[in-house]
Amino acid sequence: EKAIDAYIESIELEPEYPFSYLNMAVIHRDKGDIDEAIEYLEEGISYNPTASFLMYNKGCCEWLAGYKDAAVDSLLGALELNGSLGSYMLKDMQLAGLIEKSDTLRKALTF
């Protein structure tokens, strides 16, 4: 709870700082509250639309929550912002099933 309070305060003081949103999302994801994690990532993206790591993590959370289409869209957005994430995505075992199921994502990751 202390970490959550600290990150809430951080977001209130400096809403443009993207890592507070990422850390809040990780805390909620680890607690099993994936939708809350996605909300924090979306809020962070609204302040930092070029933060590819927020978009990437949003895609991962959406996949965990079973939102396949949204996950693909977010991951494609992250790739658009930062093409070097592709090699990372291919190594991310959490995403292996999504990459296998999504022709669009698989094609985007084929260099």
N, C-alpha and C. Protein backbone atom coordinates (compact mmCIF):
# COMPACT_ATOMS: atom_id res chain seq x y z
N GLU A 1 0.81 -1.20 0.00
CA GLU A 1 0.00 0.00 0.00
C GLU A 1 0.86 1.26 0.00
N LYS A 2 2.00 1.22 0.67
CA LYS A 2 2.86 2.40 0.70
C LYS A 2 3.36 2.75 -0.69
N ALA A 3 3.70 1.73 -1.47
CA ALA A 3 4.17 1.97 -2.84
C ALA A 3 3.05 2.59 -3.68
N ILE A 4 1.86 2.07 -3.55
CA ILE A 4 0.72 2.61 -4.30
C ILE A 4 0.50 4.07 -3.94
N ASP A 5 0.51 4.38 -2.64
CA ASP A 5 0.33 5.76 -2.20
C ASP A 5 1.43 6.66 -2.75
N ALA A 6 2.65 6.17 -2.75
CA ALA A 6 3.78 6.97 -3.26
C ALA A 6 3.63 7.24 -4.75
N TYR A 7 3.21 6.23 -5.51
CA TYR A 7 3.05 6.44 -6.96
C TYR A 7 1.84 7.32 -7.27
N ILE A 8 0.79 7.21 -6.51
CA ILE A 8 -0.35 8.11 -6.70
C ILE A 8 0.09 9.55 -6.46
N GLU A 9 0.85 9.77 -5.41
CA GLU A 9 1.37 11.11 -5.13
C GLU A 9 2.29 11.58 -6.26
N SER A 10 3.12 10.69 -6.74
CA SER A 10 4.03 11.02 -7.84
C SER A 10 3.25 11.43 -9.09
N ILE A 11 2.18 10.70 -9.39
CA ILE A 11 1.35 11.02 -10.56
C ILE A 11 0.67 12.37 -10.37
N GLU A 12 0.22 12.65 -9.15
CA GLU A 12 -0.43 13.94 -8.89
C GLU A 12 0.56 15.10 -9.04
N LEU A 13 1.79 14.88 -8.58
CA LEU A 13 2.79 15.94 -8.64
C LEU A 13 3.37 16.13 -10.03
N GLU A 14 3.55 15.04 -10.75
CA GLU A 14 4.16 15.10 -12.08
C GLU A 14 3.47 14.11 -13.02
N PRO A 15 2.31 14.49 -13.53
CA PRO A 15 1.52 13.56 -14.35
C PRO A 15 2.18 13.16 -15.67
N GLU A 16 3.18 13.89 -16.10
CA GLU A 16 3.85 13.55 -17.36
C GLU A 16 4.94 12.49 -17.19
N TYR A 17 5.29 12.15 -15.96
CA TYR A 17 6.39 11.19 -15.72
C TYR A 17 5.87 9.77 -15.99
N PRO A 18 6.34 9.12 -17.07
CA PRO A 18 5.74 7.85 -17.50
C PRO A 18 6.01 6.66 -16.59
N PHE A 19 7.11 6.69 -15.86
CA PHE A 19 7.47 5.50 -15.08
C PHE A 19 6.57 5.29 -13.86
N SER A 20 5.95 6.34 -13.38
CA SER A 20 4.99 6.17 -12.27
C SER A 20 3.80 5.34 -12.74
N TYR A 21 3.34 5.59 -13.96
CA TYR A 21 2.23 4.81 -14.52
C TYR A 21 2.64 3.36 -14.75
N LEU A 22 3.84 3.18 -15.26
CA LEU A 22 4.34 1.82 -15.48
C LEU A 22 4.41 1.06 -14.16
N ASN A 23 4.96 1.70 -13.15
CA ASN A 23 5.10 1.02 -11.85
C ASN A 23 3.75 0.72 -11.22
N MET A 24 2.80 1.64 -11.35
CA MET A 24 1.45 1.37 -10.84
C MET A 24 0.82 0.20 -11.59
N ALA A 25 1.03 0.16 -12.89
CA ALA A 25 0.48 -0.93 -13.69
C ALA A 25 1.08 -2.27 -13.27
N VAL A 26 2.37 -2.30 -13.04
CA VAL A 26 3.03 -3.54 -12.62
C VAL A 26 2.49 -4.00 -11.27
N ILE A 27 2.32 -3.07 -10.35
CA ILE A 27 1.78 -3.43 -9.03
C ILE A 27 0.39 -4.05 -9.19
N HIS A 28 -0.47 -3.40 -9.97
CA HIS A 28 -1.83 -3.93 -10.15
C HIS A 28 -1.84 -5.24 -10.93
N ARG A 29 -0.98 -5.34 -11.93
CA ARG A 29 -0.89 -6.60 -12.69
C ARG A 29 -0.49 -7.74 -11.76
N ASP A 30 0.51 -7.49 -10.92
CA ASP A 30 1.00 -8.53 -10.01
C ASP A 30 -0.05 -8.90 -8.95
N LYS A 31 -0.95 -7.97 -8.64
CA LYS A 31 -2.04 -8.26 -7.71
C LYS A 31 -3.21 -8.96 -8.41
N GLY A 32 -3.12 -9.11 -9.74
CA GLY A 32 -4.17 -9.76 -10.50
C GLY A 32 -5.24 -8.82 -11.01
N ASP A 33 -5.06 -7.54 -10.81
CA ASP A 33 -6.04 -6.55 -11.25
C ASP A 33 -5.58 -5.98 -12.59
N ILE A 34 -5.72 -6.79 -13.64
CA ILE A 34 -5.20 -6.45 -14.96
C ILE A 34 -5.92 -5.23 -15.54
N ASP A 35 -7.22 -5.14 -15.37
CA ASP A 35 -7.95 -3.99 -15.92
C ASP A 35 -7.49 -2.68 -15.30
N GLU A 36 -7.20 -2.69 -14.02
CA GLU A 36 -6.66 -1.49 -13.36
C GLU A 36 -5.28 -1.16 -13.91
N ALA A 37 -4.48 -2.17 -14.16
CA ALA A 37 -3.16 -1.96 -14.75
C ALA A 37 -3.29 -1.31 -16.13
N ILE A 38 -4.22 -1.80 -16.92
CA ILE A 38 -4.45 -1.24 -18.26
C ILE A 38 -4.87 0.23 -18.15
N GLU A 39 -5.72 0.53 -17.19
CA GLU A 39 -6.16 1.92 -17.01
C GLU A 39 -4.99 2.85 -16.71
N TYR A 40 -4.08 2.41 -15.85
CA TYR A 40 -2.91 3.24 -15.55
C TYR A 40 -2.03 3.41 -16.79
N LEU A 41 -1.88 2.35 -17.55
CA LEU A 41 -1.07 2.46 -18.77
C LEU A 41 -1.73 3.40 -19.78
N GLU A 42 -3.03 3.33 -19.91
CA GLU A 42 -3.74 4.23 -20.82
C GLU A 42 -3.60 5.68 -20.38
N GLU A 43 -3.68 5.91 -19.09
CA GLU A 43 -3.51 7.27 -18.58
C GLU A 43 -2.08 7.77 -18.86
N GLY A 44 -1.11 6.91 -18.63
CA GLY A 44 0.28 7.28 -18.91
C GLY A 44 0.49 7.58 -20.38
N ILE A 45 -0.12 6.78 -21.24
CA ILE A 45 -0.01 7.00 -22.68
C ILE A 45 -0.66 8.32 -23.09
N SER A 46 -1.73 8.70 -22.41
CA SER A 46 -2.39 9.97 -22.75
C SER A 46 -1.45 11.15 -22.51
N TYR A 47 -0.55 11.04 -21.54
CA TYR A 47 0.43 12.09 -21.27
C TYR A 47 1.71 11.89 -22.07
N ASN A 48 1.97 10.65 -22.47
CA ASN A 48 3.23 10.29 -23.13
C ASN A 48 2.95 9.41 -24.34
N PRO A 49 2.35 9.96 -25.39
CA PRO A 49 1.93 9.12 -26.52
C PRO A 49 3.08 8.46 -27.29
N THR A 50 4.30 8.89 -27.05
CA THR A 50 5.43 8.27 -27.75
C THR A 50 6.21 7.30 -26.85
N ALA A 51 5.70 7.02 -25.67
CA ALA A 51 6.37 6.09 -24.74
C ALA A 51 6.05 4.66 -25.16
N SER A 52 6.91 4.11 -26.00
CA SER A 52 6.67 2.77 -26.55
C SER A 52 6.59 1.71 -25.45
N PHE A 53 7.34 1.89 -24.37
CA PHE A 53 7.32 0.89 -23.30
C PHE A 53 5.97 0.85 -22.59
N LEU A 54 5.26 1.98 -22.52
CA LEU A 54 3.92 1.96 -21.95
C LEU A 54 2.96 1.21 -22.87
N MET A 55 3.08 1.47 -24.17
CA MET A 55 2.22 0.80 -25.15
C MET A 55 2.51 -0.71 -25.16
N TYR A 56 3.78 -1.07 -25.08
CA TYR A 56 4.17 -2.48 -25.05
C TYR A 56 3.55 -3.18 -23.83
N ASN A 57 3.70 -2.56 -22.67
CA ASN A 57 3.16 -3.17 -21.45
C ASN A 57 1.64 -3.22 -21.46
N LYS A 58 1.02 -2.22 -22.09
CA LYS A 58 -0.43 -2.25 -22.24
C LYS A 58 -0.84 -3.46 -23.07
N GLY A 59 -0.12 -3.70 -24.16
CA GLY A 59 -0.41 -4.88 -24.99
C GLY A 59 -0.25 -6.18 -24.22
N CYS A 60 0.80 -6.25 -23.42
CA CYS A 60 1.02 -7.46 -22.62
C CYS A 60 -0.12 -7.67 -21.62
N CYS A 61 -0.54 -6.60 -20.97
CA CYS A 61 -1.65 -6.70 -20.01
C CYS A 61 -2.96 -7.06 -20.71
N GLU A 62 -3.18 -6.46 -21.87
CA GLU A 62 -4.40 -6.79 -22.60
C GLU A 62 -4.42 -8.26 -23.00
N TRP A 63 -3.28 -8.79 -23.39
CA TRP A 63 -3.20 -10.21 -23.72
C TRP A 63 -3.49 -11.06 -22.48
N LEU A 64 -2.91 -10.69 -21.35
CA LEU A 64 -3.17 -11.42 -20.11
C LEU A 64 -4.66 -11.40 -19.75
N ALA A 65 -5.33 -10.29 -20.05
CA ALA A 65 -6.75 -10.15 -19.72
C ALA A 65 -7.65 -10.81 -20.76
N GLY A 66 -7.06 -11.29 -21.84
CA GLY A 66 -7.85 -11.96 -22.86
C GLY A 66 -8.38 -11.04 -23.95
N TYR A 67 -7.85 -9.84 -24.03
CA TYR A 67 -8.27 -8.87 -25.04
C TYR A 67 -7.32 -8.95 -26.24
N LYS A 68 -7.47 -10.02 -27.02
CA LYS A 68 -6.52 -10.31 -28.10
C LYS A 68 -6.40 -9.17 -29.10
N ASP A 69 -7.51 -8.70 -29.63
CA ASP A 69 -7.45 -7.66 -30.66
C ASP A 69 -6.82 -6.38 -30.12
N ALA A 70 -7.19 -5.99 -28.92
CA ALA A 70 -6.61 -4.79 -28.32
C ALA A 70 -5.11 -4.98 -28.08
N ALA A 71 -4.73 -6.19 -27.66
CA ALA A 71 -3.31 -6.47 -27.44
C ALA A 71 -2.52 -6.34 -28.73
N VAL A 72 -3.04 -6.88 -29.80
CA VAL A 72 -2.37 -6.78 -31.10
C VAL A 72 -2.23 -5.32 -31.49
N ASP A 73 -3.30 -4.55 -31.36
CA ASP A 73 -3.25 -3.13 -31.71
C ASP A 73 -2.20 -2.38 -30.89
N SER A 74 -2.16 -2.65 -29.60
CA SER A 74 -1.19 -1.97 -28.73
C SER A 74 0.23 -2.37 -29.08
N LEU A 75 0.45 -3.64 -29.32
CA LEU A 75 1.80 -4.09 -29.65
C LEU A 75 2.25 -3.56 -31.01
N LEU A 76 1.34 -3.49 -31.96
CA LEU A 76 1.67 -2.89 -33.26
C LEU A 76 2.00 -1.41 -33.08
N GLY A 77 1.25 -0.74 -32.20
CA GLY A 77 1.54 0.66 -31.90
C GLY A 77 2.91 0.84 -31.27
N ALA A 78 3.26 -0.06 -30.37
CA ALA A 78 4.59 0.00 -29.74
C ALA A 78 5.68 -0.20 -30.78
N LEU A 79 5.46 -1.15 -31.68
CA LEU A 79 6.44 -1.39 -32.75
C LEU A 79 6.58 -0.18 -33.67
N GLU A 80 5.47 0.47 -33.93
CA GLU A 80 5.50 1.67 -34.78
C GLU A 80 6.33 2.77 -34.12
N LEU A 81 6.22 2.88 -32.81
CA LEU A 81 6.97 3.88 -32.08
C LEU A 81 8.45 3.52 -31.93
N ASN A 82 8.71 2.23 -31.82
CA ASN A 82 10.08 1.76 -31.56
C ASN A 82 10.26 0.38 -32.18
N GLY A 83 10.74 0.36 -33.40
CA GLY A 83 10.92 -0.90 -34.12
C GLY A 83 11.84 -1.88 -33.44
N SER A 84 12.75 -1.40 -32.62
CA SER A 84 13.68 -2.32 -31.95
C SER A 84 12.98 -3.20 -30.91
N LEU A 85 11.74 -2.87 -30.55
CA LEU A 85 10.99 -3.73 -29.62
C LEU A 85 10.65 -5.09 -30.24
N GLY A 86 10.71 -5.18 -31.56
CA GLY A 86 10.36 -6.43 -32.23
C GLY A 86 11.18 -7.61 -31.76
N SER A 87 12.49 -7.43 -31.64
CA SER A 87 13.33 -8.54 -31.19
C SER A 87 13.01 -8.92 -29.75
N TYR A 88 12.65 -7.93 -28.94
CA TYR A 88 12.26 -8.19 -27.55
C TYR A 88 10.94 -8.96 -27.51
N MET A 89 9.99 -8.57 -28.34
CA MET A 89 8.69 -9.25 -28.38
C MET A 89 8.86 -10.72 -28.76
N LEU A 90 9.74 -10.97 -29.71
CA LEU A 90 9.95 -12.35 -30.14
C LEU A 90 10.54 -13.22 -29.04
N LYS A 91 11.24 -12.62 -28.10
CA LYS A 91 11.85 -13.36 -26.99
C LYS A 91 10.93 -13.46 -25.78
N ASP A 92 9.84 -12.68 -25.78
CA ASP A 92 8.92 -12.63 -24.64
C ASP A 92 8.00 -13.85 -24.67
N MET A 93 8.28 -14.80 -23.83
CA MET A 93 7.51 -16.06 -23.81
C MET A 93 6.03 -15.81 -23.50
N GLN A 94 5.75 -14.75 -22.77
CA GLN A 94 4.36 -14.41 -22.44
C GLN A 94 3.57 -14.11 -23.72
N LEU A 95 4.24 -13.60 -24.74
CA LEU A 95 3.57 -13.22 -25.98
C LEU A 95 3.58 -14.30 -27.05
N ALA A 96 4.24 -15.40 -26.81
CA ALA A 96 4.39 -16.44 -27.84
C ALA A 96 3.03 -16.90 -28.38
N GLY A 97 2.08 -17.11 -27.52
CA GLY A 97 0.76 -17.57 -27.95
C GLY A 97 0.04 -16.54 -28.80
N LEU A 98 0.18 -15.27 -28.44
CA LEU A 98 -0.46 -14.20 -29.21
C LEU A 98 0.19 -14.08 -30.58
N ILE A 99 1.50 -14.12 -30.63
CA ILE A 99 2.20 -14.03 -31.91
C ILE A 99 1.79 -15.18 -32.82
N GLU A 100 1.65 -16.35 -32.23
CA GLU A 100 1.23 -17.53 -32.99
C GLU A 100 -0.18 -17.37 -33.55
N LYS A 101 -1.07 -16.72 -32.79
CA LYS A 101 -2.48 -16.58 -33.19
C LYS A 101 -2.76 -15.37 -34.09
N SER A 102 -1.83 -14.44 -34.14
CA SER A 102 -2.09 -13.21 -34.88
C SER A 102 -1.20 -13.12 -36.12
N ASP A 103 -1.80 -13.32 -37.28
CA ASP A 103 -1.05 -13.17 -38.53
C ASP A 103 -0.49 -11.77 -38.67
N THR A 104 -1.28 -10.78 -38.29
CA THR A 104 -0.86 -9.38 -38.42
C THR A 104 0.39 -9.10 -37.59
N LEU A 105 0.37 -9.54 -36.35
CA LEU A 105 1.52 -9.31 -35.47
C LEU A 105 2.71 -10.12 -35.92
N ARG A 106 2.48 -11.35 -36.30
CA ARG A 106 3.57 -12.21 -36.76
C ARG A 106 4.25 -11.60 -38.00
N LYS A 107 3.46 -11.08 -38.94
CA LYS A 107 4.03 -10.46 -40.13
C LYS A 107 4.81 -9.21 -39.78
N ALA A 108 4.31 -8.44 -38.83
CA ALA A 108 5.01 -7.21 -38.42
C ALA A 108 6.35 -7.52 -37.75
N LEU A 109 6.44 -8.69 -37.15
CA LEU A 109 7.68 -9.08 -36.46
C LEU A 109 8.65 -9.83 -37.36
N THR A 110 8.28 -10.04 -38.59
CA THR A 110 9.16 -10.72 -39.53
C THR A 110 9.94 -9.67 -40.28
N PHE A 111 11.24 -9.61 -40.00
CA PHE A 111 12.06 -8.59 -40.66
C PHE A 111 12.80 -9.24 -41.80
